[in-house]
Amino acid sequence: MKTILLTTLLLLSSTFSLQAASIDKFLSGFSAEKITENVYVIHGQNSDPSASNSGFINNPAFVVVETGVVVIDPGSSLDIGDMVLDRIRLITQLPVIAIFNTHEHGDHWLGNQAIVNAYPDIPIYAHPNMINNISEGVGETWFSRLQQLTENAITGTKIIAPTHPVDHGDEISLGQRTFKVHHLGISHTSNDIMIELPEFKTVFLGDNAVIKRVPRLDDGDILGTIAALELMLATTNTYFVPGHGHSGDKAIVELNLEYLRILYDTVKTLYEDDLSDFEMKDLVIEKMDKFVDWYGFDLEIGRSISLVYLQIESADF
C-alpha cells in the first residue's frame, strides 16, 4: 500500500513539474511593450482560457512613476502574476506600490497573489461592487471556471481580493501621478472601472473594449458600455489599452462603438418589427459582416443577440 501511495505521489509530482515547465515556457514568449512614456502592456493571447495558453488572455499593464510601479490587471494566476513581476524588473527595480483591478472577471485579477506575495501591504483598488461580489463567491466561481478551462494550470493560485474601493471621479495620486477612475454604472459588468492617466494621455479601458474578439455581454448592459466608451472617446487622450487585443489609438474605442451600435440598433429595429431573437439572427449577421472574423463571432453572436433582445424587451415594460 505504501509503495502504491509513493508511486502515485511521484507521478503527481512529475505531472505538476511538467505542467509548470510548460507554463514557464509559454509565458517566456511574452514581453512588455512600451505604449508611451513609462507605460507598458504585456498583451496576452487573444483567445479563451485553455490548457495551451495557461489562462493568459488579458493585457496586464504597469506604469512606472516616481516612487514605484503601478500594476493594472495582473492576469489570471500566480504564474502569470509572477511573469508580470519579472517583466517589471527588466524595466526598473522600483517597488510595486499599487494594483488596480478593472472588474470582477478572474482572468484579469487572480494574479494579484503574486504581487501581494512580493509586497504584502500593497493597496489593491477596485470598484466597491467588485469587492462585494468577490466576498459573496464570485472569486471562487472564477477560480473554479479557470481551473476547469485550463485543465488545472492555475493550481496554487489563491484568491486575493481588492482592498481599496474607488468610484467614478476618484483621483488617486501615486508617485506624483494622477490615476483618474471612471465608472458610469453597469457596462461590461456592474463594476468596471476605466483608468485614465492624464499626464500620459493614456486610458485603460478594461473589457469595455476589446479588439479582434467579440465583446461579452453576459454580465453587463450594452447601452451602459456604449455610454462608457462615448465618455472615453470625448477625452483628449492618445493611447488606449483594451482588456483583450492589441493597444492603440482612439480607433479602438470607435471600432467597439461601431460594433455595439450596429448590434443594438439592428436588434431594436427587428424587435419593433416583431421578430424573435432567433428569427433575426441572419439579418443581424448581414449587418455585421465587418466583424465576422473577430474571435468568437460564430459562437457568441447568437447569444449576444438574445441578450440585447432581452435588454430591449425589459426596457419596453
C-alpha atoms as a PDB file:
ATOM      1  CA  MET A   1       0.000   0.000   0.000  1.00  0.00           C
ATOM      2  CA  LYS A   2       2.815   2.387   0.877  1.00  0.00           C
ATOM      3  CA  THR A   3       4.518   1.553  -2.434  1.00  0.00           C
ATOM      4  CA  ILE A   4       1.351   2.368  -4.385  1.00  0.00           C
ATOM      5  CA  LEU A   5       0.917   5.656  -2.500  1.00  0.00           C
ATOM      6  CA  LEU A   6       4.544   6.633  -3.079  1.00  0.00           C
ATOM      7  CA  THR A   7       4.275   5.795  -6.773  1.00  0.00           C
ATOM      8  CA  THR A   8       1.109   7.870  -7.060  1.00  0.00           C
ATOM      9  CA  LEU A   9       2.739  10.841  -5.334  1.00  0.00           C
ATOM     10  CA  LEU A  10       5.788  10.596  -7.597  1.00  0.00           C
ATOM     11  CA  LEU A  11       3.569  10.511 -10.691  1.00  0.00           C
ATOM     12  CA  LEU A  12       1.620  13.538  -9.477  1.00  0.00           C
ATOM     13  CA  SER A  13       4.834  15.379  -8.700  1.00  0.00           C
ATOM     14  CA  SER A  14       6.190  14.576 -12.144  1.00  0.00           C
ATOM     15  CA  THR A  15       2.933  15.725 -13.776  1.00  0.00           C
ATOM     16  CA  PHE A  16       2.933  19.030 -11.895  1.00  0.00           C
ATOM     17  CA  SER A  17       6.622  19.574 -12.732  1.00  0.00           C
ATOM     18  CA  LEU A  18       5.985  19.011 -16.427  1.00  0.00           C
ATOM     19  CA  GLN A  19       2.963  21.315 -16.307  1.00  0.00           C
ATOM     20  CA  ALA A  20       4.960  24.036 -14.534  1.00  0.00           C
ATOM     21  CA  ALA A  21       7.743  23.762 -17.117  1.00  0.00           C
ATOM     22  CA  SER A  22       5.199  24.014 -19.922  1.00  0.00           C
ATOM     23  CA  ILE A  23       3.618  27.126 -18.368  1.00  0.00           C
ATOM     24  CA  ASP A  24       7.018  28.762 -17.868  1.00  0.00           C
ATOM     25  CA  LYS A  25       7.962  28.069 -21.490  1.00  0.00           C
ATOM     26  CA  PHE A  26       4.688  29.527 -22.777  1.00  0.00           C
ATOM     27  CA  LEU A  27       4.863  32.667 -20.642  1.00  0.00           C
ATOM     28  CA  SER A  28       8.517  33.276 -21.548  1.00  0.00           C
ATOM     29  CA  GLY A  29       7.349  34.259 -25.023  1.00  0.00           C
ATOM     30  CA  PHE A  30       5.642  37.434 -23.822  1.00  0.00           C
ATOM     31  CA  SER A  31       7.350  40.778 -23.339  1.00  0.00           C
ATOM     32  CA  ALA A  32       6.345  44.186 -22.013  1.00  0.00           C
ATOM     33  CA  GLU A  33       5.588  46.557 -24.866  1.00  0.00           C
ATOM     34  CA  LYS A  34       6.162  50.260 -24.272  1.00  0.00           C
ATOM     35  CA  ILE A  35       2.952  52.110 -25.173  1.00  0.00           C
ATOM     36  CA  THR A  36       4.157  55.582 -24.260  1.00  0.00           C
ATOM     37  CA  GLU A  37       6.448  57.162 -21.679  1.00  0.00           C
ATOM     38  CA  ASN A  38       6.621  54.845 -18.629  1.00  0.00           C
ATOM     39  CA  VAL A  39       3.521  52.855 -19.677  1.00  0.00           C
ATOM     40  CA  TYR A  40       3.912  49.169 -20.578  1.00  0.00           C
ATOM     41  CA  VAL A  41       1.486  46.423 -21.629  1.00  0.00           C
ATOM     42  CA  ILE A  42       2.012  42.658 -21.855  1.00  0.00           C
ATOM     43  CA  HIS A  43      -0.511  41.616 -24.491  1.00  0.00           C
ATOM     44  CA  GLY A  44      -1.906  38.165 -23.724  1.00  0.00           C
ATOM     45  CA  GLN A  45      -3.185  35.622 -26.225  1.00  0.00           C
ATOM     46  CA  ASN A  46      -6.407  36.881 -27.807  1.00  0.00           C
ATOM     47  CA  SER A  47      -8.467  33.730 -27.224  1.00  0.00           C
ATOM     48  CA  ASP A  48     -10.383  31.913 -24.492  1.00  0.00           C
ATOM     49  CA  PRO A  49      -8.647  30.360 -21.454  1.00  0.00           C
ATOM     50  CA  SER A  50      -7.291  26.901 -22.222  1.00  0.00           C
ATOM     51  CA  ALA A  51      -4.617  24.443 -21.188  1.00  0.00           C
ATOM     52  CA  SER A  52      -2.445  25.583 -24.092  1.00  0.00           C
ATOM     53  CA  ASN A  53      -2.396  29.242 -23.003  1.00  0.00           C
ATOM     54  CA  SER A  54      -2.500  28.631 -19.219  1.00  0.00           C
ATOM     55  CA  GLY A  55      -5.331  31.156 -18.981  1.00  0.00           C
ATOM     56  CA  PHE A  56      -3.187  34.076 -20.142  1.00  0.00           C
ATOM     57  CA  ILE A  57      -5.588  36.035 -22.331  1.00  0.00           C
ATOM     58  CA  ASN A  58      -5.770  39.542 -20.842  1.00  0.00           C
ATOM     59  CA  ASN A  59      -3.473  42.570 -21.061  1.00  0.00           C
ATOM     60  CA  PRO A  60      -1.571  43.095 -17.790  1.00  0.00           C
ATOM     61  CA  ALA A  61      -0.057  46.563 -17.691  1.00  0.00           C
ATOM     62  CA  PHE A  62       2.194  48.629 -15.495  1.00  0.00           C
ATOM     63  CA  VAL A  63       3.086  52.273 -15.125  1.00  0.00           C
ATOM     64  CA  VAL A  64       6.427  53.462 -13.774  1.00  0.00           C
ATOM     65  CA  VAL A  65       6.015  56.545 -11.588  1.00  0.00           C
ATOM     66  CA  GLU A  66       8.496  58.492  -9.495  1.00  0.00           C
ATOM     67  CA  THR A  67       8.297  56.292  -6.392  1.00  0.00           C
ATOM     68  CA  GLY A  68       7.412  52.904  -7.821  1.00  0.00           C
ATOM     69  CA  VAL A  69       5.292  50.858 -10.198  1.00  0.00           C
ATOM     70  CA  VAL A  70       1.510  50.650 -10.515  1.00  0.00           C
ATOM     71  CA  VAL A  71       0.076  47.413 -11.972  1.00  0.00           C
ATOM     72  CA  ILE A  72      -3.243  47.163 -13.789  1.00  0.00           C
ATOM     73  CA  ASP A  73      -4.899  43.729 -14.066  1.00  0.00           C
ATOM     74  CA  PRO A  74      -2.033  41.293 -13.332  1.00  0.00           C
ATOM     75  CA  GLY A  75      -3.666  38.316 -15.054  1.00  0.00           C
ATOM     76  CA  SER A  76      -5.417  35.097 -14.123  1.00  0.00           C
ATOM     77  CA  SER A  77      -2.961  33.162 -11.966  1.00  0.00           C
ATOM     78  CA  LEU A  78       0.003  33.178  -9.637  1.00  0.00           C
ATOM     79  CA  ASP A  79       2.302  32.164 -12.506  1.00  0.00           C
ATOM     80  CA  ILE A  80       1.096  34.998 -14.728  1.00  0.00           C
ATOM     81  CA  GLY A  81       1.426  37.498 -11.885  1.00  0.00           C
ATOM     82  CA  ASP A  82       4.989  36.294 -11.318  1.00  0.00           C
ATOM     83  CA  MET A  83       5.681  36.761 -15.026  1.00  0.00           C
ATOM     84  CA  VAL A  84       4.377  40.337 -14.768  1.00  0.00           C
ATOM     85  CA  LEU A  85       6.789  40.978 -11.878  1.00  0.00           C
ATOM     86  CA  ASP A  86       9.652  39.534 -13.934  1.00  0.00           C
ATOM     87  CA  ARG A  87       8.866  41.878 -16.836  1.00  0.00           C
ATOM     88  CA  ILE A  88       8.693  44.844 -14.458  1.00  0.00           C
ATOM     89  CA  ARG A  89      12.132  44.019 -13.092  1.00  0.00           C
ATOM     90  CA  LEU A  90      13.555  44.075 -16.605  1.00  0.00           C
ATOM     91  CA  ILE A  91      12.467  47.725 -16.783  1.00  0.00           C
ATOM     92  CA  THR A  92      13.008  49.012 -13.239  1.00  0.00           C
ATOM     93  CA  GLN A  93      13.992  47.936  -9.739  1.00  0.00           C
ATOM     94  CA  LEU A  94      11.477  50.303  -8.158  1.00  0.00           C
ATOM     95  CA  PRO A  95       8.914  48.572  -5.898  1.00  0.00           C
ATOM     96  CA  VAL A  96       5.331  47.936  -6.923  1.00  0.00           C
ATOM     97  CA  ILE A  97       3.233  50.401  -4.917  1.00  0.00           C
ATOM     98  CA  ALA A  98      -0.360  49.733  -6.061  1.00  0.00           C
ATOM     99  CA  ILE A  99      -2.636  47.489  -8.122  1.00  0.00           C
ATOM    100  CA  PHE A 100      -5.819  48.355  -9.988  1.00  0.00           C
ATOM    101  CA  ASN A 101      -8.356  45.667 -10.923  1.00  0.00           C
ATOM    102  CA  THR A 102     -10.708  46.803 -13.683  1.00  0.00           C
ATOM    103  CA  HIS A 103     -13.538  44.315 -12.966  1.00  0.00           C
ATOM    104  CA  GLU A 104     -14.507  41.010 -11.385  1.00  0.00           C
ATOM    105  CA  HIS A 105     -13.693  38.577 -14.201  1.00  0.00           C
ATOM    106  CA  GLY A 106     -10.932  36.353 -12.871  1.00  0.00           C
ATOM    107  CA  ASP A 107      -8.737  36.354 -15.972  1.00  0.00           C
ATOM    108  CA  HIS A 108      -7.850  39.945 -15.018  1.00  0.00           C
ATOM    109  CA  TRP A 109      -7.156  39.837 -11.277  1.00  0.00           C
ATOM    110  CA  LEU A 110      -6.316  36.385  -9.882  1.00  0.00           C
ATOM    111  CA  GLY A 111      -2.682  37.326 -10.489  1.00  0.00           C
ATOM    112  CA  ASN A 112      -2.990  39.725  -7.519  1.00  0.00           C
ATOM    113  CA  GLN A 113      -1.483  36.974  -5.383  1.00  0.00           C
ATOM    114  CA  ALA A 114       1.963  37.232  -6.970  1.00  0.00           C
ATOM    115  CA  ILE A 115       2.184  40.967  -6.365  1.00  0.00           C
ATOM    116  CA  VAL A 116       0.955  40.638  -2.780  1.00  0.00           C
ATOM    117  CA  ASN A 117       3.461  37.835  -2.124  1.00  0.00           C
ATOM    118  CA  ALA A 118       6.232  40.267  -3.039  1.00  0.00           C
ATOM    119  CA  TYR A 119       4.642  43.375  -1.470  1.00  0.00           C
ATOM    120  CA  PRO A 120       2.287  42.243   1.353  1.00  0.00           C
ATOM    121  CA  ASP A 121       0.847  45.640   2.305  1.00  0.00           C
ATOM    122  CA  ILE A 122       0.134  46.859  -1.216  1.00  0.00           C
ATOM    123  CA  PRO A 123      -3.244  48.574  -1.817  1.00  0.00           C
ATOM    124  CA  ILE A 124      -5.466  46.986  -4.470  1.00  0.00           C
ATOM    125  CA  TYR A 125      -8.002  49.401  -5.958  1.00  0.00           C
ATOM    126  CA  ALA A 126     -11.322  48.302  -7.486  1.00  0.00           C
ATOM    127  CA  HIS A 127     -14.973  49.267  -7.618  1.00  0.00           C
ATOM    128  CA  PRO A 128     -16.970  48.507  -4.443  1.00  0.00           C
ATOM    129  CA  ASN A 129     -19.271  46.154  -6.382  1.00  0.00           C
ATOM    130  CA  MET A 130     -16.280  44.022  -7.329  1.00  0.00           C
ATOM    131  CA  ILE A 131     -15.067  43.857  -3.736  1.00  0.00           C
ATOM    132  CA  ASN A 132     -18.552  42.914  -2.557  1.00  0.00           C
ATOM    133  CA  ASN A 133     -19.119  40.321  -5.290  1.00  0.00           C
ATOM    134  CA  ILE A 134     -15.839  38.567  -4.546  1.00  0.00           C
ATOM    135  CA  SER A 135     -16.784  38.385  -0.870  1.00  0.00           C
ATOM    136  CA  GLU A 136     -20.046  36.732  -1.940  1.00  0.00           C
ATOM    137  CA  GLY A 137     -18.388  33.997  -4.008  1.00  0.00           C
ATOM    138  CA  VAL A 138     -17.550  35.429  -7.424  1.00  0.00           C
ATOM    139  CA  GLY A 139     -13.843  34.816  -6.786  1.00  0.00           C
ATOM    140  CA  GLU A 140     -14.374  31.121  -6.081  1.00  0.00           C
ATOM    141  CA  THR A 141     -16.592  30.816  -9.156  1.00  0.00           C
ATOM    142  CA  TRP A 142     -13.940  32.335 -11.405  1.00  0.00           C
ATOM    143  CA  PHE A 143     -11.151  30.279  -9.877  1.00  0.00           C
ATOM    144  CA  SER A 144     -13.107  27.057 -10.478  1.00  0.00           C
ATOM    145  CA  ARG A 145     -14.006  28.099 -14.019  1.00  0.00           C
ATOM    146  CA  LEU A 146     -10.428  28.897 -14.941  1.00  0.00           C
ATOM    147  CA  GLN A 147      -9.132  25.721 -13.298  1.00  0.00           C
ATOM    148  CA  GLN A 148     -11.505  23.700 -15.462  1.00  0.00           C
ATOM    149  CA  LEU A 149     -10.839  25.596 -18.691  1.00  0.00           C
ATOM    150  CA  THR A 150      -7.045  25.439 -18.260  1.00  0.00           C
ATOM    151  CA  GLU A 151      -7.004  21.832 -17.025  1.00  0.00           C
ATOM    152  CA  ASN A 152      -5.633  22.920 -13.634  1.00  0.00           C
ATOM    153  CA  ALA A 153      -2.943  25.248 -14.990  1.00  0.00           C
ATOM    154  CA  ILE A 154      -3.728  27.830 -12.286  1.00  0.00           C
ATOM    155  CA  THR A 155      -3.181  25.365  -9.422  1.00  0.00           C
ATOM    156  CA  GLY A 156      -1.519  27.121  -6.485  1.00  0.00           C
ATOM    157  CA  THR A 157      -3.297  30.410  -7.127  1.00  0.00           C
ATOM    158  CA  LYS A 158      -5.105  31.949  -4.166  1.00  0.00           C
ATOM    159  CA  ILE A 159      -7.938  34.452  -4.226  1.00  0.00           C
ATOM    160  CA  ILE A 160      -6.616  37.855  -3.161  1.00  0.00           C
ATOM    161  CA  ALA A 161      -9.431  40.379  -3.353  1.00  0.00           C
ATOM    162  CA  PRO A 162      -9.105  44.143  -3.809  1.00  0.00           C
ATOM    163  CA  THR A 163      -8.824  46.147  -0.612  1.00  0.00           C
ATOM    164  CA  HIS A 164      -9.451  49.786  -1.559  1.00  0.00           C
ATOM    165  CA  PRO A 165     -12.790  50.844  -3.110  1.00  0.00           C
ATOM    166  CA  VAL A 166     -12.803  53.524  -5.810  1.00  0.00           C
ATOM    167  CA  ASP A 167     -15.635  55.013  -7.852  1.00  0.00           C
ATOM    168  CA  HIS A 168     -16.348  57.441 -10.650  1.00  0.00           C
ATOM    169  CA  GLY A 169     -14.428  60.691 -10.395  1.00  0.00           C
ATOM    170  CA  ASP A 170     -11.924  59.481  -7.821  1.00  0.00           C
ATOM    171  CA  GLU A 171      -8.362  60.631  -8.449  1.00  0.00           C
ATOM    172  CA  ILE A 172      -5.640  58.556  -6.826  1.00  0.00           C
ATOM    173  CA  SER A 173      -2.228  60.202  -6.562  1.00  0.00           C
ATOM    174  CA  LEU A 174       0.599  57.693  -6.861  1.00  0.00           C
ATOM    175  CA  GLY A 175       4.200  58.733  -7.305  1.00  0.00           C
ATOM    176  CA  GLN A 176       3.165  62.282  -8.188  1.00  0.00           C
ATOM    177  CA  ARG A 177       0.952  60.968 -10.992  1.00  0.00           C
ATOM    178  CA  THR A 178      -2.839  61.010 -11.211  1.00  0.00           C
ATOM    179  CA  PHE A 179      -4.887  57.857 -11.783  1.00  0.00           C
ATOM    180  CA  LYS A 180      -8.420  59.007 -12.564  1.00  0.00           C
ATOM    181  CA  VAL A 181     -11.237  56.482 -12.185  1.00  0.00           C
ATOM    182  CA  HIS A 182     -14.300  56.303 -14.448  1.00  0.00           C
ATOM    183  CA  HIS A 183     -17.444  54.262 -13.737  1.00  0.00           C
ATOM    184  CA  LEU A 184     -20.829  55.231 -15.155  1.00  0.00           C
ATOM    185  CA  GLY A 185     -22.793  52.232 -13.898  1.00  0.00           C
ATOM    186  CA  ILE A 186     -23.338  48.829 -15.481  1.00  0.00           C
ATOM    187  CA  SER A 187     -21.252  48.416 -18.628  1.00  0.00           C
ATOM    188  CA  HIS A 188     -19.302  45.196 -19.290  1.00  0.00           C
ATOM    189  CA  THR A 189     -20.183  44.264 -15.684  1.00  0.00           C
ATOM    190  CA  SER A 190     -21.639  46.151 -12.729  1.00  0.00           C
ATOM    191  CA  ASN A 191     -18.143  47.027 -11.531  1.00  0.00           C
ATOM    192  CA  ASP A 192     -15.976  48.015 -14.475  1.00  0.00           C
ATOM    193  CA  ILE A 193     -13.628  50.905 -13.930  1.00  0.00           C
ATOM    194  CA  MET A 194     -11.640  52.638 -16.635  1.00  0.00           C
ATOM    195  CA  ILE A 195      -8.402  54.251 -15.514  1.00  0.00           C
ATOM    196  CA  GLU A 196      -7.203  57.469 -17.097  1.00  0.00           C
ATOM    197  CA  LEU A 197      -3.653  58.773 -16.787  1.00  0.00           C
ATOM    198  CA  PRO A 198      -3.934  62.414 -17.909  1.00  0.00           C
ATOM    199  CA  GLU A 199      -0.172  63.076 -17.717  1.00  0.00           C
ATOM    200  CA  PHE A 200       0.492  60.134 -20.051  1.00  0.00           C
ATOM    201  CA  LYS A 201      -2.628  60.654 -22.240  1.00  0.00           C
ATOM    202  CA  THR A 202      -3.463  57.007 -21.662  1.00  0.00           C
ATOM    203  CA  VAL A 203      -6.674  55.160 -20.781  1.00  0.00           C
ATOM    204  CA  PHE A 204      -7.029  51.578 -19.580  1.00  0.00           C
ATOM    205  CA  LEU A 205     -10.442  50.547 -20.885  1.00  0.00           C
ATOM    206  CA  GLY A 206     -10.731  47.134 -19.249  1.00  0.00           C
ATOM    207  CA  ASP A 207     -13.179  44.854 -21.023  1.00  0.00           C
ATOM    208  CA  ASN A 208     -15.414  47.741 -22.036  1.00  0.00           C
ATOM    209  CA  ALA A 209     -13.342  47.498 -25.213  1.00  0.00           C
ATOM    210  CA  VAL A 210     -11.669  44.534 -26.893  1.00  0.00           C
ATOM    211  CA  ILE A 211     -10.038  44.178 -30.279  1.00  0.00           C
ATOM    212  CA  LYS A 212     -10.373  41.354 -32.815  1.00  0.00           C
ATOM    213  CA  ARG A 213     -12.729  39.456 -30.497  1.00  0.00           C
ATOM    214  CA  VAL A 214     -16.439  39.638 -29.743  1.00  0.00           C
ATOM    215  CA  PRO A 215     -17.225  41.586 -26.541  1.00  0.00           C
ATOM    216  CA  ARG A 216     -19.071  39.505 -23.944  1.00  0.00           C
ATOM    217  CA  LEU A 217     -22.400  40.935 -22.798  1.00  0.00           C
ATOM    218  CA  ASP A 218     -23.439  38.233 -20.311  1.00  0.00           C
ATOM    219  CA  ASP A 219     -22.838  40.250 -17.127  1.00  0.00           C
ATOM    220  CA  GLY A 220     -23.423  43.748 -18.409  1.00  0.00           C
ATOM    221  CA  ASP A 221     -25.521  46.214 -20.350  1.00  0.00           C
ATOM    222  CA  ILE A 222     -24.930  47.186 -23.975  1.00  0.00           C
ATOM    223  CA  LEU A 223     -26.176  50.766 -23.603  1.00  0.00           C
ATOM    224  CA  GLY A 224     -24.059  51.200 -20.485  1.00  0.00           C
ATOM    225  CA  THR A 225     -20.995  50.004 -22.378  1.00  0.00           C
ATOM    226  CA  ILE A 226     -21.753  52.399 -25.227  1.00  0.00           C
ATOM    227  CA  ALA A 227     -22.063  55.282 -22.751  1.00  0.00           C
ATOM    228  CA  ALA A 228     -18.745  54.379 -21.087  1.00  0.00           C
ATOM    229  CA  LEU A 229     -16.936  54.284 -24.424  1.00  0.00           C
ATOM    230  CA  GLU A 230     -18.531  57.534 -25.604  1.00  0.00           C
ATOM    231  CA  LEU A 231     -17.174  59.175 -22.461  1.00  0.00           C
ATOM    232  CA  MET A 232     -13.651  57.999 -23.287  1.00  0.00           C
ATOM    233  CA  LEU A 233     -13.958  58.957 -26.929  1.00  0.00           C
ATOM    234  CA  ALA A 234     -14.712  62.536 -25.843  1.00  0.00           C
ATOM    235  CA  THR A 235     -11.394  62.818 -23.985  1.00  0.00           C
ATOM    236  CA  THR A 236      -8.157  64.181 -25.434  1.00  0.00           C
ATOM    237  CA  ASN A 237      -6.193  61.002 -24.686  1.00  0.00           C
ATOM    238  CA  THR A 238      -3.932  59.438 -27.304  1.00  0.00           C
ATOM    239  CA  TYR A 239      -3.255  55.871 -26.100  1.00  0.00           C
ATOM    240  CA  PHE A 240      -5.909  53.266 -25.334  1.00  0.00           C
ATOM    241  CA  VAL A 241      -5.408  49.847 -23.774  1.00  0.00           C
ATOM    242  CA  PRO A 242      -8.246  47.328 -24.281  1.00  0.00           C
ATOM    243  CA  GLY A 243      -8.895  44.388 -21.981  1.00  0.00           C
ATOM    244  CA  HIS A 244      -8.018  41.959 -24.782  1.00  0.00           C
ATOM    245  CA  GLY A 245      -6.269  42.539 -28.086  1.00  0.00           C
ATOM    246  CA  HIS A 246      -3.578  44.998 -29.029  1.00  0.00           C
ATOM    247  CA  SER A 247      -3.361  48.554 -27.697  1.00  0.00           C
ATOM    248  CA  GLY A 248      -3.651  51.552 -29.996  1.00  0.00           C
ATOM    249  CA  ASP A 249      -5.319  54.906 -30.542  1.00  0.00           C
ATOM    250  CA  LYS A 250      -8.937  56.120 -30.485  1.00  0.00           C
ATOM    251  CA  ALA A 251      -9.761  53.738 -33.310  1.00  0.00           C
ATOM    252  CA  ILE A 252     -10.060  51.045 -30.646  1.00  0.00           C
ATOM    253  CA  VAL A 253     -12.912  52.931 -28.999  1.00  0.00           C
ATOM    254  CA  GLU A 254     -14.509  53.842 -32.316  1.00  0.00           C
ATOM    255  CA  LEU A 255     -14.459  50.250 -33.572  1.00  0.00           C
ATOM    256  CA  ASN A 256     -16.036  48.893 -30.402  1.00  0.00           C
ATOM    257  CA  LEU A 257     -18.707  51.584 -30.530  1.00  0.00           C
ATOM    258  CA  GLU A 258     -19.433  50.719 -34.153  1.00  0.00           C
ATOM    259  CA  TYR A 259     -19.847  47.032 -33.257  1.00  0.00           C
ATOM    260  CA  LEU A 260     -22.122  47.726 -30.290  1.00  0.00           C
ATOM    261  CA  ARG A 261     -24.252  50.366 -32.048  1.00  0.00           C
ATOM    262  CA  ILE A 262     -24.850  48.180 -35.112  1.00  0.00           C
ATOM    263  CA  LEU A 263     -25.766  45.253 -32.890  1.00  0.00           C
ATOM    264  CA  TYR A 264     -28.119  47.293 -30.705  1.00  0.00           C
ATOM    265  CA  ASP A 265     -29.747  49.325 -33.469  1.00  0.00           C
ATOM    266  CA  THR A 266     -30.344  46.280 -35.688  1.00  0.00           C
ATOM    267  CA  VAL A 267     -31.798  44.162 -32.905  1.00  0.00           C
ATOM    268  CA  LYS A 268     -34.015  47.067 -31.780  1.00  0.00           C
ATOM    269  CA  THR A 269     -35.349  47.645 -35.298  1.00  0.00           C
ATOM    270  CA  LEU A 270     -36.116  43.966 -35.795  1.00  0.00           C
ATOM    271  CA  TYR A 271     -37.641  43.745 -32.311  1.00  0.00           C
ATOM    272  CA  GLU A 272     -40.001  46.557 -33.252  1.00  0.00           C
ATOM    273  CA  ASP A 273     -40.857  44.547 -36.381  1.00  0.00           C
ATOM    274  CA  ASP A 274     -41.941  41.714 -34.027  1.00  0.00           C
ATOM    275  CA  LEU A 275     -39.163  39.295 -34.969  1.00  0.00           C
ATOM    276  CA  SER A 276     -37.915  36.909 -32.301  1.00  0.00           C
ATOM    277  CA  ASP A 277     -34.220  36.807 -31.451  1.00  0.00           C
ATOM    278  CA  PHE A 278     -33.925  33.520 -33.347  1.00  0.00           C
ATOM    279  CA  GLU A 279     -35.641  34.912 -36.436  1.00  0.00           C
ATOM    280  CA  MET A 280     -33.423  37.983 -36.587  1.00  0.00           C
ATOM    281  CA  LYS A 281     -30.048  36.232 -36.305  1.00  0.00           C
ATOM    282  CA  ASP A 282     -29.223  36.025 -40.029  1.00  0.00           C
ATOM    283  CA  LEU A 283     -30.370  39.609 -40.609  1.00  0.00           C
ATOM    284  CA  VAL A 284     -28.164  40.890 -37.788  1.00  0.00           C
ATOM    285  CA  ILE A 285     -25.159  38.973 -39.104  1.00  0.00           C
ATOM    286  CA  GLU A 286     -25.645  40.564 -42.536  1.00  0.00           C
ATOM    287  CA  LYS A 287     -25.268  43.992 -40.932  1.00  0.00           C
ATOM    288  CA  MET A 288     -22.134  42.930 -39.047  1.00  0.00           C
ATOM    289  CA  ASP A 289     -20.067  41.463 -41.880  1.00  0.00           C
ATOM    290  CA  LYS A 290     -17.173  43.761 -40.899  1.00  0.00           C
ATOM    291  CA  PHE A 291     -16.758  41.791 -37.676  1.00  0.00           C
ATOM    292  CA  VAL A 292     -17.291  38.169 -38.731  1.00  0.00           C
ATOM    293  CA  ASP A 293     -13.557  37.416 -38.493  1.00  0.00           C
ATOM    294  CA  TRP A 294     -13.368  38.537 -34.842  1.00  0.00           C
ATOM    295  CA  TYR A 295     -12.516  35.748 -32.433  1.00  0.00           C
ATOM    296  CA  GLY A 296     -15.628  34.044 -31.090  1.00  0.00           C
ATOM    297  CA  PHE A 297     -18.061  35.661 -33.553  1.00  0.00           C
ATOM    298  CA  ASP A 298     -19.704  32.433 -34.728  1.00  0.00           C
ATOM    299  CA  LEU A 299     -20.092  31.128 -31.184  1.00  0.00           C
ATOM    300  CA  GLU A 300     -21.124  34.355 -29.470  1.00  0.00           C
ATOM    301  CA  ILE A 301     -23.248  36.333 -31.904  1.00  0.00           C
ATOM    302  CA  GLY A 302     -26.413  34.310 -31.293  1.00  0.00           C
ATOM    303  CA  ARG A 303     -26.116  34.719 -27.533  1.00  0.00           C
ATOM    304  CA  SER A 304     -25.290  38.425 -27.912  1.00  0.00           C
ATOM    305  CA  ILE A 305     -28.424  38.960 -29.980  1.00  0.00           C
ATOM    306  CA  SER A 306     -30.517  37.192 -27.333  1.00  0.00           C
ATOM    307  CA  LEU A 307     -29.006  39.259 -24.520  1.00  0.00           C
ATOM    308  CA  VAL A 308     -29.599  42.556 -26.333  1.00  0.00           C
ATOM    309  CA  TYR A 309     -33.114  41.417 -27.216  1.00  0.00           C
ATOM    310  CA  LEU A 310     -33.849  40.738 -23.551  1.00  0.00           C
ATOM    311  CA  GLN A 311     -32.475  44.137 -22.528  1.00  0.00           C
ATOM    312  CA  ILE A 312     -34.646  45.892 -25.109  1.00  0.00           C
ATOM    313  CA  GLU A 313     -37.664  43.835 -24.069  1.00  0.00           C
ATOM    314  CA  SER A 314     -37.072  44.652 -20.405  1.00  0.00           C
ATOM    315  CA  ALA A 315     -36.876  48.387 -21.163  1.00  0.00           C
ATOM    316  CA  ASP A 316     -40.129  48.078 -23.081  1.00  0.00           C
ATOM    317  CA  PHE A 317     -42.101  47.179 -19.958  1.00  0.00           C
END
